[in-house]
Amino acid sequence: MLTGSKSVGVAGSRATETLCAGLGCLVVTFVPALWLFAREPDLRRKAILLALGCALGCVVLLAARQRRAGGWRPFSEVVGAELSETSQGNWSGTAGSAELPCVLPSRRRQQQRTLLWGVGVCTAIVGLVALAAGMPQRSELVQRLHDAGAEFSSVRVEKVSDVRQLSRSGKDPYVATVVVQLPDAAQGESVHATVRTETYDRLYVGDRVEVLYAPSQPRLGAVAGDERKLGTELRGEVMPAYLRWGCIALWTLGVLVVFNVVSRKHGFRAFSRLGDGDKAVRGRYVRTGQYHHEGAGGRGEPRNGKYLEIQTDAGWIHFLTDLSDHGLPEEMEGQRLWLCWDARRGSRGGRFSADRAPAALVFDSDWVIHGMLNVVKAEKLTNVGFSVEKLSSPGETNRLLRVFDPRAKWLLSISPLFLSLCFVATVCAAVLTLDLEILWRWVAGGVGVLSVVAGASPYVSFSSEIAKSGAK
């Protein structure tokens, strides 16, 4: 009965974690999209604040869940607990079948976590930059003109005063206080208004300037400028189209970098069903190795990184996985296993061919560890490796394999500092929906971006060569 209750509790906790993580990803995507494309300032602000409020609720709920589960633990301790659990679960046993199964536990969840985490960090950074660069609402006068049906019109200059020339790079513009004559569509008479102009040619009485005003209520005043200068603000957009698409291009570039990281760390194949292009070789786990200087591993190997050292009939092979930083239990040293890999990856040897191939360790004790192999070093196994189709037993159904994935318990390893930084970044995003001076907008945006970068750095590296598995 206690075991059943514990299982239900764990399932409920994981469902809550998944819900909060999914809602967080949705908010991170929804807020920048709404900011860049929505045109109703009031509704846009309310929707963004509501979404950010939900995100804060998720942060608080995750903190409460973590505390209920015993509090934060360094990732090394989470791995250690998983290793202890696996040691009790027959890691050190040798009674498992030595036959190679044709179906393995999928690595899809590992791929999805890395992809969603990387895209989420990228989207949060670009979103905060966009929030800082944009203007959340129309100016007071433009808002009144918009509500009264504003239009652009070329009007006559009646008086020019306070003329001065600004010193800028290129052609220096003239700024002046100008009295213009606005036609009244309702009463058929003219109304005078004072505007501040900025032109490259000096204005004189009788010249014509472009202004924004409300024909039905000309006494509201006017703003000097044409469609190019005031059109973005009049439509309720937060920034010009070129800046908006610049943010989208920056986000796209970041997502491409994240996809490259996923490709190098996990590949895009689930590696759950072994086929005719896969090979396998018998071997044994020896120890955890480490490169002693940068670039020692060569092309496709992590710089200054660690690896699991596997001994096969063809020699030593470096198995690249997130577990390399912490290694495996001492009981695993010398344990027999199958090393399986995708022999097609990088086989063409072209300039742009992959330098890593999906691989997996299938221990005789029914545990599976997913990782990658350097394709150059994997070529040494070609002559001694066997086709999976010749080795696997399609009729074998009683072998229960389990994937070793301590990162699935991510809630235990995220530190209180990380949750605090998420809170700070969310508050900064909320502040940026207010009408602030440009200086303070960039201060709030900078604090938000630094919070995201600082929070992400212990858990995600955008360079797979220097990837670490967590805080040390």
Protein backbone atom coordinates (compact mmCIF):
# COMPACT_ATOMS: atom_id res chain seq x y z
CA MET A 1 0.00 0.00 0.00
CA LEU A 2 2.82 2.41 0.86
CA THR A 3 4.61 1.56 -2.36
CA GLY A 4 1.46 2.29 -4.36
CA SER A 5 0.96 5.63 -2.60
CA LYS A 6 4.58 6.55 -3.22
CA SER A 7 4.25 5.70 -6.92
CA VAL A 8 1.12 7.83 -7.21
CA GLY A 9 2.92 10.69 -5.44
CA VAL A 10 5.91 10.48 -7.77
CA ALA A 11 3.64 10.37 -10.82
CA GLY A 12 1.71 13.41 -9.56
CA SER A 13 4.91 15.31 -8.87
CA ARG A 14 6.26 14.58 -12.35
CA ALA A 15 2.94 15.61 -13.89
CA THR A 16 3.17 18.93 -12.03
CA GLU A 17 6.77 19.41 -13.16
CA THR A 18 5.81 18.68 -16.76
CA LEU A 19 2.83 21.05 -16.57
CA CYS A 20 4.92 23.89 -15.12
CA ALA A 21 7.72 23.35 -17.62
CA GLY A 22 5.26 23.27 -20.53
CA LEU A 23 3.46 26.37 -19.31
CA GLY A 24 6.79 28.14 -18.86
CA CYS A 25 7.83 27.33 -22.43
CA LEU A 26 4.45 28.54 -23.65
CA VAL A 27 4.80 31.87 -21.79
CA VAL A 28 8.36 32.39 -23.02
CA THR A 29 7.11 31.96 -26.60
CA PHE A 30 3.79 33.79 -26.19
CA VAL A 31 5.13 37.02 -24.64
CA PRO A 32 7.63 37.99 -27.41
CA ALA A 33 5.14 37.01 -30.14
CA LEU A 34 2.42 39.12 -28.56
CA TRP A 35 4.83 42.02 -28.03
CA LEU A 36 6.02 42.04 -31.63
CA PHE A 37 2.75 41.49 -33.48
CA ALA A 38 -0.20 42.69 -31.34
CA ARG A 39 -1.44 46.23 -32.13
CA GLU A 40 -3.71 47.07 -29.19
CA PRO A 41 -1.43 48.49 -26.45
CA ASP A 42 -3.84 48.04 -23.52
CA LEU A 43 -4.91 44.51 -24.41
CA ARG A 44 -1.31 43.61 -25.23
CA ARG A 45 -0.08 44.79 -21.82
CA LYS A 46 -2.85 42.98 -19.94
CA ALA A 47 -2.28 39.73 -21.83
CA ILE A 48 1.49 39.87 -21.26
CA LEU A 49 1.10 40.63 -17.55
CA LEU A 50 -1.38 37.77 -17.20
CA ALA A 51 1.05 35.37 -18.90
CA LEU A 52 3.96 36.56 -16.76
CA GLY A 53 1.80 36.13 -13.67
CA CYS A 54 1.23 32.51 -14.65
CA ALA A 55 4.98 32.09 -15.08
CA LEU A 56 5.62 33.47 -11.59
CA GLY A 57 3.03 31.06 -10.24
CA CYS A 58 4.89 28.18 -11.88
CA VAL A 59 8.18 29.32 -10.33
CA VAL A 60 6.60 29.44 -6.87
CA LEU A 61 4.96 26.04 -7.37
CA LEU A 62 8.25 24.46 -8.49
CA ALA A 63 10.03 25.94 -5.47
CA ALA A 64 7.35 24.47 -3.18
CA ARG A 65 7.57 21.08 -4.91
CA GLN A 66 11.34 21.08 -4.60
CA ARG A 67 11.16 21.89 -0.90
CA ARG A 68 8.59 19.15 -0.38
CA ALA A 69 10.92 16.67 -2.14
CA GLY A 70 13.72 17.45 0.31
CA GLY A 71 15.21 20.64 -1.10
CA TRP A 72 17.83 21.40 -3.67
CA ARG A 73 20.69 19.01 -4.32
CA PRO A 74 23.76 19.51 -6.54
CA PHE A 75 23.45 17.59 -9.78
CA SER A 76 26.36 15.39 -8.72
CA GLU A 77 24.28 14.21 -5.75
CA VAL A 78 21.28 13.54 -8.01
CA VAL A 79 23.51 11.41 -10.21
CA GLY A 80 24.94 9.72 -7.14
CA ALA A 81 21.46 8.86 -5.88
CA GLU A 82 20.55 7.45 -9.27
CA LEU A 83 23.73 5.42 -9.32
CA SER A 84 23.01 4.08 -5.84
CA GLU A 85 19.52 3.14 -6.97
CA THR A 86 20.92 1.37 -10.00
CA SER A 87 23.51 -0.40 -7.87
CA GLN A 88 20.66 -1.78 -5.78
CA GLY A 89 18.86 -2.60 -9.04
CA ASN A 90 21.42 -5.17 -10.22
CA TRP A 91 24.05 -2.93 -11.81
CA SER A 92 26.68 -5.24 -10.47
CA GLY A 93 24.85 -8.38 -11.48
CA THR A 94 25.86 -10.49 -14.45
CA ALA A 95 22.79 -12.65 -14.71
CA GLY A 96 21.28 -10.62 -17.53
CA SER A 97 21.05 -11.91 -21.06
CA ALA A 98 24.05 -11.35 -23.32
CA GLU A 99 21.90 -11.33 -26.45
CA LEU A 100 21.56 -8.01 -28.26
CA PRO A 101 17.95 -6.71 -28.33
CA CYS A 102 16.69 -5.07 -31.50
CA VAL A 103 14.57 -2.51 -29.57
CA LEU A 104 16.08 -0.06 -27.04
CA PRO A 105 14.54 2.57 -24.77
CA SER A 106 14.29 5.79 -26.78
CA ARG A 107 16.51 8.83 -26.22
CA ARG A 108 13.71 11.11 -27.43
CA ARG A 109 13.07 12.63 -24.00
CA GLN A 110 16.72 13.60 -23.64
CA GLN A 111 16.63 15.26 -27.05
CA GLN A 112 13.40 17.09 -26.26
CA ARG A 113 14.69 18.41 -22.93
CA THR A 114 17.86 19.79 -24.48
CA LEU A 115 15.98 21.28 -27.42
CA LEU A 116 13.22 22.92 -25.36
CA TRP A 117 15.68 24.22 -22.78
CA GLY A 118 17.99 25.74 -25.41
CA VAL A 119 15.15 27.26 -27.45
CA GLY A 120 13.58 28.59 -24.24
CA VAL A 121 16.78 30.34 -23.18
CA CYS A 122 17.27 31.78 -26.68
CA THR A 123 13.66 33.00 -26.84
CA ALA A 124 13.86 34.57 -23.38
CA ILE A 125 17.01 36.53 -24.27
CA VAL A 126 15.66 37.77 -27.61
CA GLY A 127 12.30 38.54 -26.01
CA LEU A 128 13.86 40.71 -23.29
CA VAL A 129 15.92 42.57 -25.88
CA ALA A 130 12.76 43.18 -27.93
CA LEU A 131 10.89 44.37 -24.84
CA ALA A 132 13.67 46.84 -24.05
CA ALA A 133 13.95 48.11 -27.64
CA GLY A 134 10.22 48.64 -28.17
CA MET A 135 7.80 51.28 -26.91
CA PRO A 136 4.80 49.82 -25.04
CA GLN A 137 2.23 52.47 -25.95
CA ARG A 138 1.50 55.57 -28.02
CA SER A 139 2.38 58.99 -26.67
CA GLU A 140 -0.50 60.82 -24.99
CA LEU A 141 -1.12 63.20 -27.91
CA VAL A 142 -0.85 60.48 -30.58
CA GLN A 143 -3.27 58.34 -28.58
CA ARG A 144 -5.85 61.17 -28.48
CA LEU A 145 -5.42 61.77 -32.21
CA HIS A 146 -5.74 58.04 -32.91
CA ASP A 147 -8.97 57.83 -30.96
CA ALA A 148 -10.34 60.82 -32.93
CA GLY A 149 -9.46 59.32 -36.34
CA ALA A 150 -5.96 60.67 -37.06
CA GLU A 151 -4.73 61.21 -40.62
CA PHE A 152 -1.56 62.47 -42.26
CA SER A 153 -1.79 65.72 -44.16
CA SER A 154 0.50 68.29 -45.77
CA VAL A 155 -0.26 71.71 -44.23
CA ARG A 156 1.01 75.29 -44.71
CA VAL A 157 3.61 76.85 -42.40
CA GLU A 158 2.36 80.13 -40.89
CA LYS A 159 5.25 80.99 -38.58
CA VAL A 160 8.77 79.68 -37.86
CA SER A 161 10.74 80.32 -34.66
CA ASP A 162 13.53 78.86 -32.47
CA VAL A 163 15.43 77.54 -35.48
CA ARG A 164 18.70 75.72 -34.76
CA GLN A 165 20.84 73.21 -36.56
CA LEU A 166 21.79 69.94 -34.88
CA SER A 167 25.29 68.52 -35.18
CA ARG A 168 25.08 64.93 -36.39
CA SER A 169 27.04 62.61 -38.61
CA GLY A 170 26.07 63.19 -42.23
CA LYS A 171 23.76 66.03 -43.12
CA ASP A 172 22.83 68.18 -40.11
CA PRO A 173 19.04 68.64 -39.70
CA TYR A 174 17.22 71.80 -38.65
CA VAL A 175 14.80 71.79 -35.74
CA ALA A 176 12.26 74.53 -35.29
CA THR A 177 9.00 75.48 -33.60
CA VAL A 178 6.42 75.92 -36.34
CA VAL A 179 2.86 77.20 -36.36
CA VAL A 180 0.79 75.40 -39.00
CA GLN A 181 -2.73 75.83 -40.36
CA LEU A 182 -5.00 72.79 -39.91
CA PRO A 183 -8.26 72.54 -41.90
CA ASP A 184 -11.38 71.79 -39.83
CA ALA A 185 -13.43 69.15 -41.68
CA ALA A 186 -16.48 69.77 -39.48
CA GLN A 187 -16.75 73.57 -39.58
CA GLY A 188 -14.86 74.31 -42.78
CA GLU A 189 -12.42 76.76 -41.22
CA SER A 190 -8.74 76.66 -40.30
CA VAL A 191 -7.23 76.06 -36.87
CA HIS A 192 -3.68 76.93 -35.91
CA ALA A 193 -1.44 74.41 -34.12
CA THR A 194 2.16 74.51 -32.92
CA VAL A 195 4.45 71.58 -33.77
CA ARG A 196 8.12 70.76 -33.42
CA THR A 197 9.72 69.91 -36.76
CA GLU A 198 13.00 68.32 -37.79
CA THR A 199 13.93 68.77 -41.47
CA TYR A 200 17.08 68.73 -43.55
CA ASP A 201 16.06 71.94 -45.34
CA ARG A 202 15.38 75.10 -43.39
CA LEU A 203 11.67 75.97 -43.24
CA TYR A 204 10.19 79.32 -44.17
CA VAL A 205 6.70 80.79 -44.02
CA GLY A 206 4.62 79.36 -46.86
CA ASP A 207 6.41 76.00 -46.96
CA ARG A 208 4.44 72.82 -46.41
CA VAL A 209 5.12 70.14 -43.79
CA GLU A 210 3.63 66.72 -43.11
CA VAL A 211 1.70 66.42 -39.84
CA LEU A 212 -0.58 63.96 -38.07
CA TYR A 213 -3.88 65.40 -36.85
CA ALA A 214 -7.56 64.55 -36.46
CA PRO A 215 -9.62 66.27 -39.22
CA SER A 216 -12.80 66.01 -37.16
CA GLN A 217 -11.14 67.56 -34.07
CA PRO A 218 -8.24 69.77 -35.21
CA ARG A 219 -8.19 71.58 -31.87
CA LEU A 220 -6.60 68.50 -30.30
CA GLY A 221 -3.35 69.63 -31.93
CA ALA A 222 -0.92 67.94 -34.29
CA VAL A 223 2.40 66.08 -34.41
CA ALA A 224 4.98 66.79 -37.13
CA GLY A 225 5.96 63.70 -39.10
CA ASP A 226 4.96 61.45 -41.98
CA GLU A 227 3.91 57.81 -42.31
CA ARG A 228 7.52 56.65 -42.15
CA LYS A 229 8.18 58.46 -38.86
CA LEU A 230 4.86 58.10 -37.04
CA GLY A 231 3.17 55.18 -38.79
CA THR A 232 4.56 52.54 -36.40
CA GLU A 233 3.38 54.43 -33.32
CA LEU A 234 0.00 55.25 -34.87
CA ARG A 235 -0.68 51.58 -35.67
CA GLY A 236 0.16 50.61 -32.08
CA GLU A 237 3.27 48.62 -32.99
CA VAL A 238 6.16 48.59 -30.55
CA MET A 239 8.92 48.99 -33.14
CA PRO A 240 9.46 49.46 -36.89
CA ALA A 241 9.18 46.44 -39.17
CA TYR A 242 12.94 46.23 -39.80
CA LEU A 243 13.67 45.95 -36.06
CA ARG A 244 10.89 43.40 -35.62
CA TRP A 245 12.26 41.17 -38.36
CA GLY A 246 15.77 41.74 -37.02
CA CYS A 247 14.63 40.21 -33.71
CA ILE A 248 13.11 37.28 -35.58
CA ALA A 249 16.34 36.76 -37.55
CA LEU A 250 18.37 36.86 -34.31
CA TRP A 251 16.03 34.30 -32.74
CA THR A 252 16.27 32.06 -35.81
CA LEU A 253 20.06 32.17 -35.64
CA GLY A 254 19.94 31.21 -31.97
CA VAL A 255 17.59 28.30 -32.67
CA LEU A 256 19.97 27.02 -35.36
CA VAL A 257 22.78 27.06 -32.79
CA VAL A 258 20.59 25.10 -30.37
CA PHE A 259 19.78 22.52 -33.07
CA ASN A 260 23.51 22.14 -33.68
CA VAL A 261 24.06 21.49 -29.97
CA VAL A 262 21.29 18.88 -29.91
CA SER A 263 22.78 17.24 -32.99
CA ARG A 264 26.21 16.97 -31.39
CA LYS A 265 25.02 15.87 -27.95
CA HIS A 266 22.22 13.48 -28.88
CA GLY A 267 21.70 13.43 -32.64
CA PHE A 268 18.18 13.56 -34.05
CA ARG A 269 17.55 9.84 -34.20
CA ALA A 270 15.60 8.22 -31.36
CA PHE A 271 17.91 5.20 -31.64
CA SER A 272 15.17 2.98 -30.27
CA ARG A 273 14.99 0.41 -33.06
CA LEU A 274 18.24 -0.98 -34.42
CA GLY A 275 18.30 -1.54 -38.16
CA ASP A 276 20.46 -2.75 -41.02
CA GLY A 277 22.65 0.38 -40.91
CA ASP A 278 23.61 -0.18 -37.28
CA LYS A 279 26.49 -2.25 -35.97
CA ALA A 280 27.42 -3.66 -32.59
CA VAL A 281 30.49 -5.05 -30.91
CA ARG A 282 31.12 -6.68 -27.56
CA GLY A 283 33.14 -4.77 -25.01
CA ARG A 284 33.46 -3.83 -21.38
CA TYR A 285 33.34 -0.62 -19.40
CA VAL A 286 36.78 0.30 -18.01
CA ARG A 287 36.72 3.73 -16.40
CA THR A 288 36.00 7.44 -16.86
CA GLY A 289 38.70 9.20 -18.87
CA GLN A 290 39.53 12.86 -19.39
CA TYR A 291 41.51 14.86 -21.93
CA HIS A 292 44.40 16.69 -20.34
CA HIS A 293 44.59 19.63 -22.74
CA GLU A 294 42.37 21.42 -25.24
CA GLY A 295 41.92 19.65 -28.55
CA ALA A 296 43.52 16.42 -27.33
CA GLY A 297 40.56 14.38 -28.51
CA GLY A 298 40.67 15.64 -32.08
CA ARG A 299 37.75 16.43 -34.37
CA GLY A 300 34.40 15.51 -32.89
CA GLU A 301 35.67 15.13 -29.32
CA PRO A 302 34.88 17.52 -26.43
CA ARG A 303 37.62 19.93 -25.41
CA ASN A 304 38.85 19.34 -21.88
CA GLY A 305 35.94 16.92 -21.54
CA LYS A 306 35.38 13.51 -20.06
CA TYR A 307 34.26 10.26 -21.61
CA LEU A 308 33.48 6.66 -20.72
CA GLU A 309 36.33 4.40 -21.77
CA ILE A 310 35.17 1.19 -23.44
CA GLN A 311 37.51 -1.65 -24.33
CA THR A 312 36.66 -3.69 -27.43
CA ASP A 313 38.47 -6.22 -29.58
CA ALA A 314 39.46 -3.34 -31.87
CA GLY A 315 40.92 -1.22 -29.08
CA TRP A 316 39.80 1.59 -26.81
CA ILE A 317 36.74 3.66 -27.66
CA HIS A 318 35.65 6.97 -26.10
CA PHE A 319 31.91 6.95 -25.43
CA LEU A 320 30.61 10.55 -25.13
CA THR A 321 27.70 11.09 -22.74
CA ASP A 322 26.46 13.51 -20.08
CA LEU A 323 27.32 10.93 -17.43
CA SER A 324 31.01 11.22 -18.20
CA ASP A 325 31.53 14.03 -15.69
CA HIS A 326 30.44 11.77 -12.82
CA GLY A 327 31.29 8.33 -14.12
CA LEU A 328 29.62 5.05 -13.24
CA PRO A 329 29.76 2.99 -10.02
CA GLU A 330 32.97 1.14 -9.31
CA GLU A 331 30.96 -2.08 -9.51
CA MET A 332 30.47 -1.39 -13.21
CA GLU A 333 34.17 -1.54 -14.01
CA GLY A 334 34.79 -4.60 -16.14
CA GLN A 335 31.10 -5.22 -16.84
CA ARG A 336 30.34 -6.72 -20.23
CA LEU A 337 28.16 -4.85 -22.69
CA TRP A 338 27.14 -4.32 -26.28
CA LEU A 339 28.34 -1.12 -27.95
CA CYS A 340 25.86 -0.20 -30.69
CA TRP A 341 26.25 2.70 -33.12
CA ASP A 342 24.90 4.12 -36.37
CA ALA A 343 27.55 3.08 -38.88
CA ARG A 344 26.07 5.25 -41.64
CA ARG A 345 26.75 8.60 -39.95
CA GLY A 346 29.87 10.26 -41.34
CA SER A 347 30.66 7.31 -43.60
CA ARG A 348 30.84 9.51 -46.70
CA GLY A 349 33.73 11.50 -45.26
CA GLY A 350 32.63 14.76 -46.87
CA ARG A 351 33.50 18.20 -45.62
CA PHE A 352 30.08 18.72 -44.08
CA SER A 353 29.48 15.15 -42.93
CA ALA A 354 28.67 14.52 -39.28
CA ASP A 355 31.60 14.01 -36.91
CA ARG A 356 29.54 12.14 -34.32
CA ALA A 357 27.21 9.16 -34.58
CA PRO A 358 24.41 8.08 -32.21
CA ALA A 359 25.46 5.18 -30.03
CA ALA A 360 24.32 3.25 -26.97
CA LEU A 361 25.78 0.96 -24.34
CA VAL A 362 23.58 -2.06 -23.63
CA PHE A 363 24.85 -3.72 -20.47
CA ASP A 364 24.27 -7.40 -19.82
CA SER A 365 22.42 -6.31 -16.67
CA ASP A 366 19.69 -4.73 -18.89
CA TRP A 367 20.70 -1.08 -18.48
CA VAL A 368 21.08 1.27 -21.46
CA ILE A 369 23.15 4.47 -21.66
CA HIS A 370 22.68 6.69 -24.71
CA GLY A 371 25.53 8.78 -26.11
CA MET A 372 27.61 9.54 -29.17
CA LEU A 373 30.74 8.18 -30.87
CA ASN A 374 33.43 10.00 -32.79
CA VAL A 375 32.88 8.73 -36.36
CA VAL A 376 36.61 8.75 -37.11
CA LYS A 377 37.36 6.47 -34.18
CA ALA A 378 34.24 4.42 -34.81
CA GLU A 379 35.69 3.45 -38.20
CA LYS A 380 38.17 1.27 -36.34
CA LEU A 381 35.23 -0.87 -35.27
CA THR A 382 33.93 -1.42 -38.80
CA ASN A 383 35.90 -4.59 -39.42
CA VAL A 384 35.17 -6.14 -36.02
CA GLY A 385 31.60 -4.87 -35.66
CA PHE A 386 28.66 -7.08 -36.54
CA SER A 387 25.45 -6.16 -38.27
CA VAL A 388 22.67 -5.79 -35.71
CA GLU A 389 20.32 -7.88 -37.85
CA LYS A 390 22.63 -10.86 -37.48
CA LEU A 391 22.99 -10.45 -33.71
CA SER A 392 19.57 -9.41 -32.43
CA SER A 393 16.90 -11.90 -31.55
CA PRO A 394 13.45 -10.80 -32.82
CA GLY A 395 11.73 -13.39 -30.65
CA GLU A 396 13.22 -12.07 -27.41
CA THR A 397 10.43 -10.36 -25.46
CA ASN A 398 11.26 -11.02 -21.81
CA ARG A 399 14.22 -8.66 -21.53
CA LEU A 400 13.21 -5.46 -19.75
CA LEU A 401 15.65 -2.64 -20.57
CA ARG A 402 15.88 0.59 -18.62
CA VAL A 403 17.55 3.80 -19.79
CA PHE A 404 19.85 5.58 -17.35
CA ASP A 405 18.75 9.25 -17.40
CA PRO A 406 19.33 11.13 -14.11
CA ARG A 407 18.57 14.45 -15.83
CA ALA A 408 14.91 13.41 -15.82
CA LYS A 409 14.97 14.47 -12.14
CA TRP A 410 15.75 18.06 -13.10
CA LEU A 411 13.58 19.59 -10.37
CA LEU A 412 15.95 18.32 -7.68
CA SER A 413 19.04 19.84 -9.30
CA ILE A 414 17.81 23.35 -10.15
CA SER A 415 19.14 25.59 -7.41
CA PRO A 416 17.16 28.21 -5.46
CA LEU A 417 19.40 30.79 -7.14
CA PHE A 418 18.12 29.64 -10.53
CA LEU A 419 14.50 30.02 -9.40
CA SER A 420 15.32 33.46 -8.01
CA LEU A 421 16.87 34.52 -11.31
CA CYS A 422 13.77 33.30 -13.14
CA PHE A 423 11.72 35.48 -10.81
CA VAL A 424 13.95 38.51 -11.50
CA ALA A 425 13.81 38.00 -15.29
CA THR A 426 10.01 37.70 -15.17
CA VAL A 427 9.67 40.89 -13.10
CA CYS A 428 11.97 42.74 -15.52
CA ALA A 429 9.79 41.62 -18.43
CA ALA A 430 6.70 42.91 -16.59
CA VAL A 431 8.37 46.26 -15.88
CA LEU A 432 9.23 46.66 -19.56
CA THR A 433 5.53 46.66 -20.46
CA LEU A 434 5.29 50.05 -18.71
CA ASP A 435 6.06 53.40 -20.32
CA LEU A 436 9.64 54.09 -19.13
CA GLU A 437 12.45 56.33 -20.29
CA ILE A 438 14.82 54.74 -22.79
CA LEU A 439 17.67 54.58 -20.27
CA TRP A 440 15.60 52.73 -17.68
CA ARG A 441 14.19 50.40 -20.32
CA TRP A 442 17.69 49.22 -21.23
CA VAL A 443 18.66 48.94 -17.56
CA ALA A 444 15.67 46.66 -16.89
CA GLY A 445 16.30 44.74 -20.11
CA GLY A 446 19.98 44.29 -19.29
CA VAL A 447 19.20 42.98 -15.79
CA GLY A 448 16.68 40.54 -17.28
CA VAL A 449 19.10 39.24 -19.92
CA LEU A 450 21.90 38.82 -17.36
CA SER A 451 19.51 36.92 -15.11
CA VAL A 452 18.64 34.50 -17.93
CA VAL A 453 22.29 33.99 -18.91
CA ALA A 454 23.41 33.54 -15.30
CA GLY A 455 20.58 31.11 -14.60
CA ALA A 456 21.21 29.04 -17.72
CA SER A 457 24.99 28.82 -17.58
CA PRO A 458 25.30 26.01 -14.96
CA TYR A 459 22.83 23.79 -16.81
CA VAL A 460 23.21 24.46 -20.54
CA SER A 461 26.28 25.10 -22.66
CA PHE A 462 25.85 26.28 -26.25
CA SER A 463 29.20 24.70 -27.07
CA SER A 464 29.05 20.95 -26.79
CA GLU A 465 32.85 20.71 -26.58
CA ILE A 466 32.83 22.33 -23.16
CA ALA A 467 29.51 20.95 -21.94
CA LYS A 468 29.32 20.25 -18.25
CA SER A 469 26.73 18.19 -16.51
CA GLY A 470 25.86 20.60 -13.74
CA ALA A 471 27.11 22.70 -10.85
CA LYS A 472 30.19 21.39 -9.15
